[in-house]
Structure formats: C-alpha cells, structure tokens
Amino acid sequence: MSNKNPFEIRSDMLALAKDYMDQQYQMNVSFAEKALEAGKKSIEEVQDMYKMYSMEDLMEKAKEMYSFVSKKD
C-alpha cells in the first residue's frame, strides 16, 4: 500500500484526467475524420469536434474523478 500525501493524490488525479481527456480528444478527431470522409458531417461540424478541451474542462474532470477518493461511504 502506498502512503501518498494529498498533493501526490491530486497530482495523480490530474494526470489521470489529462490522459482521459487526451484519449477522448483523439477519439473525437478520429470519428470526425471518418465522418467527414463518409460525407456524414460538414466541415463546420468537424471543426467543432477538433476543439481541444480547456483547463476548466480538465479541472472539472479531475474533480469528478477525485470525488470517489474523498467519499466516506
């Protein structure tokens, strides 16, 4: 069992959230490219899918992932 301090746990949660958001972004890009090739999406719709997540999005996802750590039930 690891004895991480709260800073290390938060750092791990941020890294986990970033990895998750990066994978989500890559999946969106891949889907957008395939949809554009198939003619199912317009250029404008695809451009929205290429939008990178913001720092606020990342922090929100990290808080969501951290919430299970801080629950006492």
C-alpha atoms as a PDB file:
ATOM      1  CA  MET A   1       0.000   0.000   0.000  1.00  0.00           C
ATOM      2  CA  SER A   2       1.276   3.421  -0.899  1.00  0.00           C
ATOM      3  CA  ASN A   3       1.275   6.307   1.538  1.00  0.00           C
ATOM      4  CA  LYS A   4       0.750   9.261  -0.767  1.00  0.00           C
ATOM      5  CA  ASN A   5       0.173  12.713   0.591  1.00  0.00           C
ATOM      6  CA  PRO A   6      -2.822  14.766  -0.605  1.00  0.00           C
ATOM      7  CA  PHE A   7      -0.663  16.696  -3.091  1.00  0.00           C
ATOM      8  CA  GLU A   8       0.517  13.458  -4.731  1.00  0.00           C
ATOM      9  CA  ILE A   9      -3.032  12.109  -4.902  1.00  0.00           C
ATOM     10  CA  ARG A  10      -4.275  15.316  -6.539  1.00  0.00           C
ATOM     11  CA  SER A  11      -1.362  15.229  -8.959  1.00  0.00           C
ATOM     12  CA  ASP A  12      -2.222  11.643  -9.870  1.00  0.00           C
ATOM     13  CA  MET A  13      -5.872  12.610 -10.401  1.00  0.00           C
ATOM     14  CA  LEU A  14      -4.879  15.475 -12.696  1.00  0.00           C
ATOM     15  CA  ALA A  15      -2.642  13.131 -14.713  1.00  0.00           C
ATOM     16  CA  LEU A  16      -5.441  10.567 -14.918  1.00  0.00           C
ATOM     17  CA  ALA A  17      -7.938  13.221 -16.006  1.00  0.00           C
ATOM     18  CA  LYS A  18      -5.498  14.557 -18.621  1.00  0.00           C
ATOM     19  CA  ASP A  19      -4.941  11.065 -20.017  1.00  0.00           C
ATOM     20  CA  TYR A  20      -8.693  10.520 -20.173  1.00  0.00           C
ATOM     21  CA  MET A  21      -9.331  13.871 -21.876  1.00  0.00           C
ATOM     22  CA  ASP A  22      -6.466  13.281 -24.351  1.00  0.00           C
ATOM     23  CA  GLN A  23      -7.911   9.890 -25.300  1.00  0.00           C
ATOM     24  CA  GLN A  24     -11.385  11.407 -25.651  1.00  0.00           C
ATOM     25  CA  TYR A  25      -9.979  14.119 -27.923  1.00  0.00           C
ATOM     26  CA  GLN A  26      -8.164  11.555 -30.101  1.00  0.00           C
ATOM     27  CA  MET A  27     -11.359   9.515 -30.424  1.00  0.00           C
ATOM     28  CA  ASN A  28     -13.293  12.662 -31.427  1.00  0.00           C
ATOM     29  CA  VAL A  29     -10.697  13.527 -34.075  1.00  0.00           C
ATOM     30  CA  SER A  30     -10.735  10.000 -35.464  1.00  0.00           C
ATOM     31  CA  PHE A  31     -14.538   9.953 -35.576  1.00  0.00           C
ATOM     32  CA  ALA A  32     -14.620  13.395 -37.200  1.00  0.00           C
ATOM     33  CA  GLU A  33     -12.199  12.350 -39.921  1.00  0.00           C
ATOM     34  CA  LYS A  34     -14.166   9.198 -40.692  1.00  0.00           C
ATOM     35  CA  ALA A  35     -17.490  11.051 -40.696  1.00  0.00           C
ATOM     36  CA  LEU A  36     -16.103  13.747 -43.000  1.00  0.00           C
ATOM     37  CA  GLU A  37     -14.760  11.120 -45.400  1.00  0.00           C
ATOM     38  CA  ALA A  38     -18.117   9.357 -45.419  1.00  0.00           C
ATOM     39  CA  GLY A  39     -19.867  12.670 -46.105  1.00  0.00           C
ATOM     40  CA  LYS A  40     -21.970  12.454 -42.961  1.00  0.00           C
ATOM     41  CA  LYS A  41     -20.606  15.611 -41.340  1.00  0.00           C
ATOM     42  CA  SER A  42     -19.966  19.092 -42.670  1.00  0.00           C
ATOM     43  CA  ILE A  43     -16.694  20.954 -42.292  1.00  0.00           C
ATOM     44  CA  GLU A  44     -18.228  23.151 -39.573  1.00  0.00           C
ATOM     45  CA  GLU A  45     -19.346  20.125 -37.547  1.00  0.00           C
ATOM     46  CA  VAL A  46     -15.915  18.532 -37.876  1.00  0.00           C
ATOM     47  CA  GLN A  47     -14.189  21.733 -36.763  1.00  0.00           C
ATOM     48  CA  ASP A  48     -16.232  21.632 -33.546  1.00  0.00           C
ATOM     49  CA  MET A  49     -15.000  18.093 -32.936  1.00  0.00           C
ATOM     50  CA  TYR A  50     -11.382  19.254 -33.252  1.00  0.00           C
ATOM     51  CA  LYS A  51     -11.859  21.725 -30.409  1.00  0.00           C
ATOM     52  CA  MET A  52      -9.357  20.909 -27.664  1.00  0.00           C
ATOM     53  CA  TYR A  53     -10.560  20.729 -24.082  1.00  0.00           C
ATOM     54  CA  SER A  54      -9.962  23.724 -21.827  1.00  0.00           C
ATOM     55  CA  MET A  55      -8.168  23.882 -18.498  1.00  0.00           C
ATOM     56  CA  GLU A  56     -11.590  24.272 -16.867  1.00  0.00           C
ATOM     57  CA  ASP A  57     -12.763  21.062 -18.554  1.00  0.00           C
ATOM     58  CA  LEU A  58      -9.652  19.268 -17.300  1.00  0.00           C
ATOM     59  CA  MET A  59     -10.091  20.539 -13.747  1.00  0.00           C
ATOM     60  CA  GLU A  60     -13.766  19.554 -13.745  1.00  0.00           C
ATOM     61  CA  LYS A  61     -12.906  16.024 -14.898  1.00  0.00           C
ATOM     62  CA  ALA A  62     -10.160  15.761 -12.246  1.00  0.00           C
ATOM     63  CA  LYS A  63     -12.624  16.870  -9.548  1.00  0.00           C
ATOM     64  CA  GLU A  64     -15.129  14.311 -10.792  1.00  0.00           C
ATOM     65  CA  MET A  65     -12.508  11.553 -10.662  1.00  0.00           C
ATOM     66  CA  TYR A  66     -11.252  12.694  -7.250  1.00  0.00           C
ATOM     67  CA  SER A  67     -14.743  12.731  -5.739  1.00  0.00           C
ATOM     68  CA  PHE A  68     -14.744   8.974  -5.231  1.00  0.00           C
ATOM     69  CA  VAL A  69     -11.490   9.219  -3.263  1.00  0.00           C
ATOM     70  CA  SER A  70     -12.887  11.739  -0.813  1.00  0.00           C
ATOM     71  CA  LYS A  71     -16.213   9.938  -0.232  1.00  0.00           C
ATOM     72  CA  LYS A  72     -16.514   8.272   3.125  1.00  0.00           C
ATOM     73  CA  ASP A  73     -19.325   5.807   2.290  1.00  0.00           C
END
